[in-house]
């Protein structure tokens, strides 16, 4: 009977120790799991922050390039307007000169006619 009692007692102690070890292992596994999740979350947040910085830098560079292109377009448009204005001024001057040349030619012809008339009178 003492052997049975010691067997039952030994079995009870072993079962209790097994359950205690199992609980400790489960608790430790939960702690490890939580730590790993926190580590993964931290890595994710760091990667996200890095990517957001890269995107911000790229957006800033794009904004600068767009501003530069707008400025170039503005300069080109101003030069085009200046060229058009100067061309119109040159065309107006040309027309004026042609009109003056026409007047000079008419006066020259009139002068030649008058000169011929004077020569014929003599």
PDB file of N, CA and C in Angstrom:
ATOM      1  N   UNK A   1       0.799  -1.165   0.000  1.00  0.00           N
ATOM      2  CA  UNK A   1       0.000   0.000   0.000  1.00  0.00           C
ATOM      3  C   UNK A   1       0.863   1.258   0.000  1.00  0.00           C
ATOM      4  N   UNK A   2       1.967   1.219   0.640  1.00  0.00           N
ATOM      5  CA  UNK A   2       2.862   2.361   0.676  1.00  0.00           C
ATOM      6  C   UNK A   2       3.405   2.654  -0.707  1.00  0.00           C
ATOM      7  N   UNK A   3       3.582   1.594  -1.521  1.00  0.00           N
ATOM      8  CA  UNK A   3       4.090   1.785  -2.876  1.00  0.00           C
ATOM      9  C   UNK A   3       3.059   2.474  -3.757  1.00  0.00           C
ATOM     10  N   UNK A   4       1.784   2.122  -3.541  1.00  0.00           N
ATOM     11  CA  UNK A   4       0.712   2.730  -4.324  1.00  0.00           C
ATOM     12  C   UNK A   4       0.578   4.195  -3.946  1.00  0.00           C
ATOM     13  N   UNK A   5       0.631   4.431  -2.658  1.00  0.00           N
ATOM     14  CA  UNK A   5       0.493   5.805  -2.173  1.00  0.00           C
ATOM     15  C   UNK A   5       1.655   6.674  -2.672  1.00  0.00           C
ATOM     16  N   UNK A   6       2.858   6.119  -2.616  1.00  0.00           N
ATOM     17  CA  UNK A   6       3.996   6.907  -3.090  1.00  0.00           C
ATOM     18  C   UNK A   6       3.921   7.076  -4.618  1.00  0.00           C
ATOM     19  N   UNK A   7       3.391   6.062  -5.333  1.00  0.00           N
ATOM     20  CA  UNK A   7       3.216   6.177  -6.777  1.00  0.00           C
ATOM     21  C   UNK A   7       2.221   7.286  -7.106  1.00  0.00           C
ATOM     22  N   UNK A   8       1.084   7.320  -6.385  1.00  0.00           N
ATOM     23  CA  UNK A   8       0.055   8.340  -6.611  1.00  0.00           C
ATOM     24  C   UNK A   8       0.624   9.716  -6.278  1.00  0.00           C
ATOM     25  N   UNK A   9       1.325   9.796  -5.159  1.00  0.00           N
ATOM     26  CA  UNK A   9       1.909  11.070  -4.738  1.00  0.00           C
ATOM     27  C   UNK A   9       2.963  11.534  -5.755  1.00  0.00           C
ATOM     28  N   UNK A  10       3.793  10.604  -6.185  1.00  0.00           N
ATOM     29  CA  UNK A  10       4.827  10.928  -7.160  1.00  0.00           C
ATOM     30  C   UNK A  10       4.191  11.360  -8.486  1.00  0.00           C
ATOM     31  N   UNK A  11       3.143  10.663  -8.863  1.00  0.00           N
ATOM     32  CA  UNK A  11       2.436  11.015 -10.099  1.00  0.00           C
ATOM     33  C   UNK A  11       1.791  12.394  -9.976  1.00  0.00           C
ATOM     34  N   UNK A  12       1.205  12.698  -8.822  1.00  0.00           N
ATOM     35  CA  UNK A  12       0.575  13.996  -8.586  1.00  0.00           C
ATOM     36  C   UNK A  12       1.625  15.108  -8.641  1.00  0.00           C
ATOM     37  N   UNK A  13       2.767  14.885  -8.011  1.00  0.00           N
ATOM     38  CA  UNK A  13       3.846  15.878  -7.998  1.00  0.00           C
ATOM     39  C   UNK A  13       4.377  16.072  -9.424  1.00  0.00           C
ATOM     40  N   UNK A  14       4.546  14.977 -10.144  1.00  0.00           N
ATOM     41  CA  UNK A  14       5.057  15.066 -11.511  1.00  0.00           C
ATOM     42  C   UNK A  14       4.067  15.810 -12.401  1.00  0.00           C
ATOM     43  N   UNK A  15       2.771  15.507 -12.220  1.00  0.00           N
ATOM     44  CA  UNK A  15       1.742  16.179 -13.017  1.00  0.00           C
ATOM     45  C   UNK A  15       1.705  17.669 -12.694  1.00  0.00           C
ATOM     46  N   UNK A  16       1.812  18.000 -11.406  1.00  0.00           N
ATOM     47  CA  UNK A  16       1.815  19.410 -10.990  1.00  0.00           C
ATOM     48  C   UNK A  16       3.031  20.131 -11.562  1.00  0.00           C
ATOM     49  N   UNK A  17       4.196  19.448 -11.496  1.00  0.00           N
ATOM     50  CA  UNK A  17       5.411  20.054 -12.022  1.00  0.00           C
ATOM     51  C   UNK A  17       5.293  20.232 -13.539  1.00  0.00           C
ATOM     52  N   UNK A  18       4.728  19.227 -14.221  1.00  0.00           N
ATOM     53  CA  UNK A  18       4.537  19.311 -15.666  1.00  0.00           C
ATOM     54  C   UNK A  18       3.621  20.475 -16.015  1.00  0.00           C
ATOM     55  N   UNK A  19       2.508  20.608 -15.290  1.00  0.00           N
ATOM     56  CA  UNK A  19       1.564  21.703 -15.548  1.00  0.00           C
ATOM     57  C   UNK A  19       2.209  23.054 -15.270  1.00  0.00           C
ATOM     58  N   UNK A  20       3.020  23.112 -14.209  1.00  0.00           N
ATOM     59  CA  UNK A  20       3.717  24.355 -13.867  1.00  0.00           C
ATOM     60  C   UNK A  20       4.712  24.727 -14.974  1.00  0.00           C
ATOM     61  N   UNK A  21       5.473  23.744 -15.443  1.00  0.00           N
ATOM     62  CA  UNK A  21       6.440  23.983 -16.526  1.00  0.00           C
ATOM     63  C   UNK A  21       5.708  24.408 -17.794  1.00  0.00           C
ATOM     64  N   UNK A  22       4.571  23.746 -18.069  1.00  0.00           N
ATOM     65  CA  UNK A  22       3.778  24.079 -19.245  1.00  0.00           C
ATOM     66  C   UNK A  22       3.255  25.509 -19.167  1.00  0.00           C
ATOM     67  N   UNK A  23       2.754  25.921 -17.992  1.00  0.00           N
ATOM     68  CA  UNK A  23       2.263  27.302 -17.825  1.00  0.00           C
ATOM     69  C   UNK A  23       3.397  28.303 -18.010  1.00  0.00           C
ATOM     70  N   UNK A  24       4.545  27.987 -17.422  1.00  0.00           N
ATOM     71  CA  UNK A  24       5.700  28.874 -17.579  1.00  0.00           C
ATOM     72  C   UNK A  24       6.106  28.985 -19.053  1.00  0.00           C
ATOM     73  N   UNK A  25       6.102  27.857 -19.746  1.00  0.00           N
ATOM     74  CA  UNK A  25       6.469  27.853 -21.162  1.00  0.00           C
ATOM     75  C   UNK A  25       5.463  28.661 -21.973  1.00  0.00           C
ATOM     76  N   UNK A  26       4.165  28.503 -21.660  1.00  0.00           N
ATOM     77  CA  UNK A  26       3.136  29.270 -22.366  1.00  0.00           C
ATOM     78  C   UNK A  26       3.288  30.764 -22.099  1.00  0.00           C
ATOM     79  N   UNK A  27       3.555  31.106 -20.837  1.00  0.00           N
ATOM     80  CA  UNK A  27       3.753  32.512 -20.475  1.00  0.00           C
ATOM     81  C   UNK A  27       4.973  33.077 -21.202  1.00  0.00           C
ATOM     82  N   UNK A  28       6.053  32.303 -21.194  1.00  0.00           N
ATOM     83  CA  UNK A  28       7.270  32.750 -21.872  1.00  0.00           C
ATOM     84  C   UNK A  28       7.033  32.873 -23.379  1.00  0.00           C
ATOM     85  N   UNK A  29       6.278  31.950 -23.946  1.00  0.00           N
ATOM     86  CA  UNK A  29       5.966  32.007 -25.374  1.00  0.00           C
ATOM     87  C   UNK A  29       5.146  33.255 -25.686  1.00  0.00           C
ATOM     88  N   UNK A  30       4.197  33.596 -24.825  1.00  0.00           N
ATOM     89  CA  UNK A  30       3.391  34.812 -25.017  1.00  0.00           C
ATOM     90  C   UNK A  30       4.276  36.054 -24.961  1.00  0.00           C
ATOM     91  N   UNK A  31       5.200  36.080 -23.999  1.00  0.00           N
ATOM     92  CA  UNK A  31       6.111  37.225 -23.876  1.00  0.00           C
ATOM     93  C   UNK A  31       6.977  37.336 -25.134  1.00  0.00           C
ATOM     94  N   UNK A  32       7.510  36.200 -25.586  1.00  0.00           N
ATOM     95  CA  UNK A  32       8.338  36.206 -26.798  1.00  0.00           C
ATOM     96  C   UNK A  32       7.511  36.663 -27.993  1.00  0.00           C
ATOM     97  N   UNK A  33       6.272  36.154 -28.083  1.00  0.00           N
ATOM     98  CA  UNK A  33       5.385  36.531 -29.184  1.00  0.00           C
ATOM     99  C   UNK A  33       5.111  38.034 -29.172  1.00  0.00           C
ATOM    100  N   UNK A  34       4.802  38.579 -27.982  1.00  0.00           N
ATOM    101  CA  UNK A  34       4.538  40.018 -27.866  1.00  0.00           C
ATOM    102  C   UNK A  34       5.775  40.824 -28.251  1.00  0.00           C
ATOM    103  N   UNK A  35       6.943  40.382 -27.776  1.00  0.00           N
ATOM    104  CA  UNK A  35       8.187  41.090 -28.103  1.00  0.00           C
ATOM    105  C   UNK A  35       8.460  41.073 -29.605  1.00  0.00           C
ATOM    106  N   UNK A  36       8.245  39.915 -30.223  1.00  0.00           N
ATOM    107  CA  UNK A  36       8.450  39.819 -31.673  1.00  0.00           C
ATOM    108  C   UNK A  36       7.461  40.708 -32.422  1.00  0.00           C
ATOM    109  N   UNK A  37       6.206  40.718 -31.978  1.00  0.00           N
ATOM    110  CA  UNK A  37       5.209  41.581 -32.613  1.00  0.00           C
ATOM    111  C   UNK A  37       5.596  43.049 -32.483  1.00  0.00           C
ATOM    112  N   UNK A  38       6.063  43.434 -31.291  1.00  0.00           N
ATOM    113  CA  UNK A  38       6.508  44.817 -31.095  1.00  0.00           C
ATOM    114  C   UNK A  38       7.707  45.138 -31.988  1.00  0.00           C
ATOM    115  N   UNK A  39       8.614  44.178 -32.098  1.00  0.00           N
ATOM    116  CA  UNK A  39       9.797  44.379 -32.937  1.00  0.00           C
ATOM    117  C   UNK A  39       9.399  44.541 -34.407  1.00  0.00           C
ATOM    118  N   UNK A  40       8.492  43.676 -34.867  1.00  0.00           N
ATOM    119  CA  UNK A  40       8.025  43.760 -36.253  1.00  0.00           C
ATOM    120  C   UNK A  40       7.293  45.078 -36.484  1.00  0.00           C
ATOM    121  N   UNK A  41       6.464  45.468 -35.520  1.00  0.00           N
ATOM    122  CA  UNK A  41       5.719  46.721 -35.639  1.00  0.00           C
ATOM    123  C   UNK A  41       6.680  47.908 -35.697  1.00  0.00           C
ATOM    124  N   UNK A  42       7.711  47.874 -34.858  1.00  0.00           N
ATOM    125  CA  UNK A  42       8.697  48.959 -34.841  1.00  0.00           C
ATOM    126  C   UNK A  42       9.447  49.032 -36.175  1.00  0.00           C
ATOM    127  N   UNK A  43       9.839  47.867 -36.709  1.00  0.00           N
ATOM    128  CA  UNK A  43      10.520  47.847 -38.008  1.00  0.00           C
ATOM    129  C   UNK A  43       9.602  48.396 -39.100  1.00  0.00           C
ATOM    130  N   UNK A  44       8.328  48.000 -39.033  1.00  0.00           N
ATOM    131  CA  UNK A  44       7.359  48.483 -40.017  1.00  0.00           C
ATOM    132  C   UNK A  44       7.226  49.999 -39.942  1.00  0.00           C
ATOM    133  N   UNK A  45       7.104  50.527 -38.721  1.00  0.00           N
ATOM    134  CA  UNK A  45       6.954  51.977 -38.557  1.00  0.00           C
ATOM    135  C   UNK A  45       8.204  52.718 -39.028  1.00  0.00           C
ATOM    136  N   UNK A  46       9.378  52.152 -38.740  1.00  0.00           N
ATOM    137  CA  UNK A  46      10.622  52.780 -39.205  1.00  0.00           C
ATOM    138  C   UNK A  46      10.700  52.779 -40.729  1.00  0.00           C
ATOM    139  N   UNK A  47      10.333  51.644 -41.332  1.00  0.00           N
ATOM    140  CA  UNK A  47      10.353  51.555 -42.792  1.00  0.00           C
ATOM    141  C   UNK A  47       9.351  52.531 -43.398  1.00  0.00           C
ATOM    142  N   UNK A  48       8.176  52.617 -42.776  1.00  0.00           N
ATOM    143  CA  UNK A  48       7.147  53.539 -43.254  1.00  0.00           C
ATOM    144  C   UNK A  48       7.651  54.980 -43.183  1.00  0.00           C
ATOM    145  N   UNK A  49       8.298  55.328 -42.065  1.00  0.00           N
ATOM    146  CA  UNK A  49       8.832  56.687 -41.906  1.00  0.00           C
ATOM    147  C   UNK A  49       9.900  56.971 -42.966  1.00  0.00           C
ATOM    148  N   UNK A  50      10.776  55.979 -43.222  1.00  0.00           N
ATOM    149  CA  UNK A  50      11.810  56.156 -44.250  1.00  0.00           C
ATOM    150  C   UNK A  50      11.189  56.378 -45.626  1.00  0.00           C
ATOM    151  N   UNK A  51      10.177  55.572 -45.943  1.00  0.00           N
ATOM    152  CA  UNK A  51       9.511  55.713 -47.245  1.00  0.00           C
ATOM    153  C   UNK A  51       8.803  57.060 -47.358  1.00  0.00           C
ATOM    154  N   UNK A  52       8.186  57.504 -46.272  1.00  0.00           N
ATOM    155  CA  UNK A  52       7.515  58.811 -46.294  1.00  0.00           C
ATOM    156  C   UNK A  52       8.524  59.931 -46.516  1.00  0.00           C
ATOM    157  N   UNK A  53       9.717  59.799 -45.914  1.00  0.00           N
ATOM    158  CA  UNK A  53      10.768  60.799 -46.136  1.00  0.00           C
ATOM    159  C   UNK A  53      11.188  60.810 -47.606  1.00  0.00           C
ATOM    160  N   UNK A  54      11.375  59.612 -48.175  1.00  0.00           N
ATOM    161  CA  UNK A  54      11.755  59.522 -49.589  1.00  0.00           C
ATOM    162  C   UNK A  54      10.698  60.159 -50.480  1.00  0.00           C
ATOM    163  N   UNK A  55       9.440  59.869 -50.191  1.00  0.00           N
ATOM    164  CA  UNK A  55       8.343  60.437 -50.985  1.00  0.00           C
ATOM    165  C   UNK A  55       8.334  61.957 -50.854  1.00  0.00           C
ATOM    166  N   UNK A  56       8.546  62.455 -49.644  1.00  0.00           N
ATOM    167  CA  UNK A  56       8.559  63.905 -49.429  1.00  0.00           C
ATOM    168  C   UNK A  56       9.701  64.555 -50.212  1.00  0.00           C
ATOM    169  N   UNK A  57      10.870  63.911 -50.207  1.00  0.00           N
ATOM    170  CA  UNK A  57      12.020  64.447 -50.943  1.00  0.00           C
ATOM    171  C   UNK A  57      11.731  64.444 -52.441  1.00  0.00           C
ATOM    172  N   UNK A  58      11.159  63.346 -52.934  1.00  0.00           N
ATOM    173  CA  UNK A  58      10.828  63.277 -54.366  1.00  0.00           C
ATOM    174  C   UNK A  58       9.788  64.331 -54.734  1.00  0.00           C
ATOM    175  N   UNK A  59       8.788  64.491 -53.882  1.00  0.00           N
ATOM    176  CA  UNK A  59       7.762  65.505 -54.153  1.00  0.00           C
ATOM    177  C   UNK A  59       8.365  66.902 -54.177  1.00  0.00           C
ATOM    178  N   UNK A  60       9.293  67.149 -53.257  1.00  0.00           N
ATOM    179  CA  UNK A  60       9.951  68.456 -53.213  1.00  0.00           C
ATOM    180  C   UNK A  60      10.753  68.690 -54.500  1.00  0.00           C
ATOM    181  N   UNK A  61      11.474  67.655 -54.948  1.00  0.00           N
ATOM    182  CA  UNK A  61      12.250  67.789 -56.187  1.00  0.00           C
ATOM    183  C   UNK A  61      11.325  68.016 -57.381  1.00  0.00           C
ATOM    184  N   UNK A  62      10.203  67.290 -57.408  1.00  0.00           N
ATOM    185  CA  UNK A  62       9.232  67.482 -58.491  1.00  0.00           C
ATOM    186  C   UNK A  62       8.676  68.902 -58.472  1.00  0.00           C
ATOM    187  N   UNK A  63       8.374  69.392 -57.277  1.00  0.00           N
ATOM    188  CA  UNK A  63       7.839  70.750 -57.140  1.00  0.00           C
ATOM    189  C   UNK A  63       8.851  71.769 -57.652  1.00  0.00           C
ATOM    190  N   UNK A  64      10.125  71.562 -57.299  1.00  0.00           N
ATOM    191  CA  UNK A  64      11.173  72.473 -57.766  1.00  0.00           C
ATOM    192  C   UNK A  64      11.302  72.423 -59.286  1.00  0.00           C
ATOM    193  N   UNK A  65      11.238  71.208 -59.842  1.00  0.00           N
ATOM    194  CA  UNK A  65      11.335  71.068 -61.298  1.00  0.00           C
ATOM    195  C   UNK A  65      10.150  71.745 -61.986  1.00  0.00           C
ATOM    196  N   UNK A  66       8.953  71.579 -61.423  1.00  0.00           N
ATOM    197  CA  UNK A  66       7.765  72.224 -61.995  1.00  0.00           C
ATOM    198  C   UNK A  66       7.895  73.743 -61.942  1.00  0.00           C
ATOM    199  N   UNK A  67       8.383  74.260 -60.821  1.00  0.00           N
ATOM    200  CA  UNK A  67       8.566  75.706 -60.679  1.00  0.00           C
ATOM    201  C   UNK A  67       9.570  76.212 -61.716  1.00  0.00           C
ATOM    202  N   UNK A  68      10.656  75.460 -61.882  1.00  0.00           N
ATOM    203  CA  UNK A  68      11.682  75.849 -62.853  1.00  0.00           C
ATOM    204  C   UNK A  68      11.107  75.850 -64.271  1.00  0.00           C
ATOM    205  N   UNK A  69      10.324  74.821 -64.591  1.00  0.00           N
ATOM    206  CA  UNK A  69       9.706  74.759 -65.921  1.00  0.00           C
ATOM    207  C   UNK A  69       8.730  75.906 -66.137  1.00  0.00           C
ATOM    208  N   UNK A  70       7.953  76.240 -65.108  1.00  0.00           N
ATOM    209  CA  UNK A  70       7.009  77.358 -65.231  1.00  0.00           C
ATOM    210  C   UNK A  70       7.756  78.662 -65.465  1.00  0.00           C
ATOM    211  N   UNK A  71       8.873  78.846 -64.753  1.00  0.00           N
ATOM    212  CA  UNK A  71       9.666  80.060 -64.939  1.00  0.00           C
ATOM    213  C   UNK A  71      10.241  80.120 -66.356  1.00  0.00           C
ATOM    214  N   UNK A  72      10.732  78.975 -66.842  1.00  0.00           N
ATOM    215  CA  UNK A  72      11.271  78.940 -68.207  1.00  0.00           C
ATOM    216  C   UNK A  72      10.180  79.258 -69.222  1.00  0.00           C
ATOM    217  N   UNK A  73       8.999  78.678 -69.007  1.00  0.00           N
ATOM    218  CA  UNK A  73       7.883  78.939 -69.927  1.00  0.00           C
ATOM    219  C   UNK A  73       7.520  80.418 -69.912  1.00  0.00           C
ATOM    220  N   UNK A  74       7.539  81.027 -68.723  1.00  0.00           N
ATOM    221  CA  UNK A  74       7.233  82.447 -68.607  1.00  0.00           C
ATOM    222  C   UNK A  74       8.258  83.288 -69.368  1.00  0.00           C
ATOM    223  N   UNK A  75       9.542  82.951 -69.208  1.00  0.00           N
ATOM    224  CA  UNK A  75      10.606  83.676 -69.912  1.00  0.00           C
ATOM    225  C   UNK A  75      10.446  83.515 -71.421  1.00  0.00           C
ATOM    226  N   UNK A  76      10.150  82.291 -71.857  1.00  0.00           N
ATOM    227  CA  UNK A  76       9.968  82.043 -73.297  1.00  0.00           C
ATOM    228  C   UNK A  76       8.788  82.844 -73.826  1.00  0.00           C
ATOM    229  N   UNK A  77       7.686  82.865 -73.085  1.00  0.00           N
ATOM    230  CA  UNK A  77       6.513  83.641 -73.516  1.00  0.00           C
ATOM    231  C   UNK A  77       6.824  85.131 -73.587  1.00  0.00           C
ATOM    232  N   UNK A  78       7.587  85.635 -72.606  1.00  0.00           N
ATOM    233  CA  UNK A  78       7.960  87.048 -72.626  1.00  0.00           C
ATOM    234  C   UNK A  78       8.834  87.353 -73.843  1.00  0.00           C
ATOM    235  N   UNK A  79       9.788  86.459 -74.114  1.00  0.00           N
ATOM    236  CA  UNK A  79      10.658  86.663 -75.281  1.00  0.00           C
ATOM    237  C   UNK A  79       9.844  86.611 -76.570  1.00  0.00           C
ATOM    238  N   UNK A  80       8.887  85.692 -76.617  1.00  0.00           N
ATOM    239  CA  UNK A  80       8.036  85.577 -77.805  1.00  0.00           C
ATOM    240  C   UNK A  80       7.224  86.854 -78.004  1.00  0.00           C
ATOM    241  N   UNK A  81       6.663  87.383 -76.906  1.00  0.00           N
ATOM    242  CA  UNK A  81       5.891  88.629 -76.993  1.00  0.00           C
ATOM    243  C   UNK A  81       6.781  89.791 -77.420  1.00  0.00           C
ATOM    244  N   UNK A  82       8.000  89.862 -76.855  1.00  0.00           N
ATOM    245  CA  UNK A  82       8.943  90.920 -77.248  1.00  0.00           C
ATOM    246  C   UNK A  82       9.285  90.813 -78.733  1.00  0.00           C
ATOM    247  N   UNK A  83       9.547  89.595 -79.183  1.00  0.00           N
ATOM    248  CA  UNK A  83       9.869  89.382 -80.592  1.00  0.00           C
ATOM    249  C   UNK A  83       8.704  89.809 -81.478  1.00  0.00           C
ATOM    250  N   UNK A  84       7.490  89.423 -81.084  1.00  0.00           N
ATOM    251  CA  UNK A  84       6.303  89.774 -81.875  1.00  0.00           C
ATOM    252  C   UNK A  84       6.128  91.292 -81.936  1.00  0.00           C
ATOM    253  N   UNK A  85       6.315  91.954 -80.780  1.00  0.00           N
ATOM    254  CA  UNK A  85       6.183  93.413 -80.736  1.00  0.00           C
ATOM    255  C   UNK A  85       7.235  94.078 -81.628  1.00  0.00           C
ATOM    256  N   UNK A  86       8.478  93.615 -81.555  1.00  0.00           N
ATOM    257  CA  UNK A  86       9.546  94.192 -82.378  1.00  0.00           C
ATOM    258  C   UNK A  86       9.291  93.937 -83.861  1.00  0.00           C
ATOM    259  N   UNK A  87       8.756  92.759 -84.182  1.00  0.00           N
ATOM    260  CA  UNK A  87       8.427  92.453 -85.578  1.00  0.00           C
ATOM    261  C   UNK A  87       7.342  93.394 -86.080  1.00  0.00           C
ATOM    262  N   UNK A  88       6.328  93.616 -85.252  1.00  0.00           N
ATOM    263  CA  UNK A  88       5.250  94.535 -85.640  1.00  0.00           C
ATOM    264  C   UNK A  88       5.787  95.952 -85.819  1.00  0.00           C
ATOM    265  N   UNK A  89       6.693  96.368 -84.909  1.00  0.00           N
ATOM    266  CA  UNK A  89       7.302  97.693 -85.043  1.00  0.00           C
ATOM    267  C   UNK A  89       8.111  97.784 -86.341  1.00  0.00           C
ATOM    268  N   UNK A  90       8.874  96.726 -86.631  1.00  0.00           N
ATOM    269  CA  UNK A  90       9.681  96.721 -87.857  1.00  0.00           C
ATOM    270  C   UNK A  90       8.781  96.758 -89.089  1.00  0.00           C
ATOM    271  N   UNK A  91       7.682  96.007 -89.054  1.00  0.00           N
ATOM    272  CA  UNK A  91       6.739  96.027 -90.186  1.00  0.00           C
ATOM    273  C   UNK A  91       6.137  97.418 -90.374  1.00  0.00           C
ATOM    274  N   UNK A  92       5.803  98.069 -89.255  1.00  0.00           N
ATOM    275  CA  UNK A  92       5.229  99.417 -89.339  1.00  0.00           C
ATOM    276  C   UNK A  92       6.253 100.395 -89.917  1.00  0.00           C
ATOM    277  N   UNK A  93       7.506 100.292 -89.468  1.00  0.00           N
ATOM    278  CA  UNK A  93       8.564 101.164 -89.995  1.00  0.00           C
ATOM    279  C   UNK A  93       8.763 100.907 -91.486  1.00  0.00           C
ATOM    280  N   UNK A  94       8.744  99.618 -91.874  1.00  0.00           N
ATOM    281  CA  UNK A  94       8.913  99.268 -93.289  1.00  0.00           C
ATOM    282  C   UNK A  94       7.790  99.879 -94.130  1.00  0.00           C
ATOM    283  N   UNK A  95       6.550  99.748 -93.652  1.00  0.00           N
ATOM    284  CA  UNK A  95       5.412 100.332 -94.379  1.00  0.00           C
ATOM    285  C   UNK A  95       5.566 101.844 -94.504  1.00  0.00           C
ATOM    286  N   UNK A  96       5.983 102.482 -93.416  1.00  0.00           N
ATOM    287  CA  UNK A  96       6.177 103.931 -93.420  1.00  0.00           C
ATOM    288  C   UNK A  96       7.256 104.329 -94.428  1.00  0.00           C
ATOM    289  N   UNK A  97       8.361 103.587 -94.417  1.00  0.00           N
ATOM    290  CA  UNK A  97       9.448 103.888 -95.357  1.00  0.00           C
ATOM    291  C   UNK A  97       9.005 103.672 -96.797  1.00  0.00           C
ATOM    292  N   UNK A  98       8.250 102.596 -97.039  1.00  0.00           N
ATOM    293  CA  UNK A  98       7.757 102.346 -98.398  1.00  0.00           C
ATOM    294  C   UNK A  98       6.814 103.462 -98.846  1.00  0.00           C
ATOM    295  N   UNK A  99       5.970 103.919 -97.911  1.00  0.00           N
ATOM    296  CA  UNK A  99       5.061 105.027 -98.243  1.00  0.00           C
ATOM    297  C   UNK A  99       5.861 106.281 -98.557  1.00  0.00           C
ATOM    298  N   UNK A 100       6.890 106.569 -97.758  1.00  0.00           N
ATOM    299  CA  UNK A 100       7.730 107.742 -98.003  1.00  0.00           C
ATOM    300  C   UNK A 100       8.472 107.619 -99.336  1.00  0.00           C
ATOM    301  N   UNK A 101       8.945 106.403 -99.643  1.00  0.00           N
ATOM    302  CA  UNK A 101       9.613 106.191-100.935  1.00  0.00           C
ATOM    303  C   UNK A 101       8.639 106.427-102.090  1.00  0.00           C
ATOM    304  N   UNK A 102       7.398 105.976-101.899  1.00  0.00           N
ATOM    305  CA  UNK A 102       6.380 106.221-102.932  1.00  0.00           C
ATOM    306  C   UNK A 102       6.159 107.704-103.144  1.00  0.00           C
ATOM    307  N   UNK A 103       6.078 108.462-102.065  1.00  0.00           N
ATOM    308  CA  UNK A 103       5.895 109.919-102.153  1.00  0.00           C
ATOM    309  C   UNK A 103       7.094 110.553-102.839  1.00  0.00           C
ATOM    310  N   UNK A 104       8.285 110.115-102.471  1.00  0.00           N
ATOM    311  CA  UNK A 104       9.509 110.663-103.075  1.00  0.00           C
ATOM    312  C   UNK A 104       9.528 110.377-104.571  1.00  0.00           C
ATOM    313  N   UNK A 105       9.146 109.146-104.939  1.00  0.00           N
ATOM    314  CA  UNK A 105       9.113 108.794-106.372  1.00  0.00           C
ATOM    315  C   UNK A 105       8.129 109.684-107.132  1.00  0.00           C
ATOM    316  N   UNK A 106       6.942 109.914-106.561  1.00  0.00           N
ATOM    317  CA  UNK A 106       5.954 110.782-107.215  1.00  0.00           C
ATOM    318  C   UNK A 106       6.498 112.197-107.365  1.00  0.00           C
ATOM    319  N   UNK A 107       7.119 112.709-106.304  1.00  0.00           N
ATOM    320  CA  UNK A 107       7.672 114.069-106.366  1.00  0.00           C
ATOM    321  C   UNK A 107       8.815 114.142-107.377  1.00  0.00           C
ATOM    322  N   UNK A 108       9.589 113.057-107.447  1.00  0.00           N
ATOM    323  CA  UNK A 108      10.691 113.019-108.406  1.00  0.00           C
ATOM    324  C   UNK A 108      10.138 113.058-109.837  1.00  0.00           C
ATOM    325  N   UNK A 109       9.067 112.259-110.047  1.00  0.00           N
ATOM    326  CA  UNK A 109       8.436 112.265-111.374  1.00  0.00           C
ATOM    327  C   UNK A 109       7.871 113.652-111.697  1.00  0.00           C
ATOM    328  N   UNK A 110       7.212 114.274-110.725  1.00  0.00           N
ATOM    329  CA  UNK A 110       6.663 115.623-110.932  1.00  0.00           C
ATOM    330  C   UNK A 110       7.786 116.610-111.234  1.00  0.00           C
ATOM    331  N   UNK A 111       8.871 116.480-110.508  1.00  0.00           N
ATOM    332  CA  UNK A 111      10.015 117.365-110.712  1.00  0.00           C
ATOM    333  C   UNK A 111      10.600 117.165-112.112  1.00  0.00           C
ATOM    334  N   UNK A 112      10.699 115.910-112.530  1.00  0.00           N
ATOM    335  CA  UNK A 112      11.200 115.622-113.890  1.00  0.00           C
ATOM    336  C   UNK A 112      10.272 116.219-114.940  1.00  0.00           C
ATOM    337  N   UNK A 113       8.956 116.096-114.734  1.00  0.00           N
ATOM    338  CA  UNK A 113       7.994 116.676-115.679  1.00  0.00           C
ATOM    339  C   UNK A 113       8.145 118.192-115.725  1.00  0.00           C
ATOM    340  N   UNK A 114       8.249 118.806-114.563  1.00  0.00           N
ATOM    341  CA  UNK A 114       8.421 120.261-114.509  1.00  0.00           C
ATOM    342  C   UNK A 114       9.723 120.669-115.189  1.00  0.00           C
ATOM    343  N   UNK A 115      10.735 119.869-114.970  1.00  0.00           N
ATOM    344  CA  UNK A 115      12.032 120.175-115.567  1.00  0.00           C
ATOM    345  C   UNK A 115      11.929 120.070-117.097  1.00  0.00           C
ATOM    346  N   UNK A 116      11.244 119.051-117.590  1.00  0.00           N
ATOM    347  CA  UNK A 116      11.068 118.900-119.040  1.00  0.00           C
ATOM    348  C   UNK A 116      10.245 120.051-119.606  1.00  0.00           C
ATOM    349  N   UNK A 117       9.217 120.427-118.861  1.00  0.00           N
ATOM    350  CA  UNK A 117       8.384 121.547-119.324  1.00  0.00           C
ATOM    351  C   UNK A 117       9.226 122.822-119.403  1.00  0.00           C
ATOM    352  N   UNK A 118      10.079 123.039-118.442  1.00  0.00           N
ATOM    353  CA  UNK A 118      10.932 124.229-118.448  1.00  0.00           C
ATOM    354  C   UNK A 118      11.924 124.166-119.612  1.00  0.00           C
ATOM    355  N   UNK A 119      12.437 122.967-119.869  1.00  0.00           N
ATOM    356  CA  UNK A 119      13.387 122.816-120.972  1.00  0.00           C
ATOM    357  C   UNK A 119      12.672 123.071-122.289  1.00  0.00           C
ATOM    358  N   UNK A 120      11.441 122.598-122.429  1.00  0.00           N
ATOM    359  CA  UNK A 120      10.674 122.794-123.660  1.00  0.00           C
ATOM    360  C   UNK A 120      10.339 124.274-123.856  1.00  0.00           C
ATOM    361  N   UNK A 121      10.123 124.970-122.779  1.00  0.00           N
ATOM    362  CA  UNK A 121       9.833 126.401-122.876  1.00  0.00           C
ATOM    363  C   UNK A 121      11.041 127.155-123.399  1.00  0.00           C
ATOM    364  N   UNK A 122      12.197 126.695-123.099  1.00  0.00           N
ATOM    365  CA  UNK A 122      13.401 127.398-123.521  1.00  0.00           C
ATOM    366  C   UNK A 122      13.671 127.055-124.937  1.00  0.00           C
TER     367      UNK A 122
END
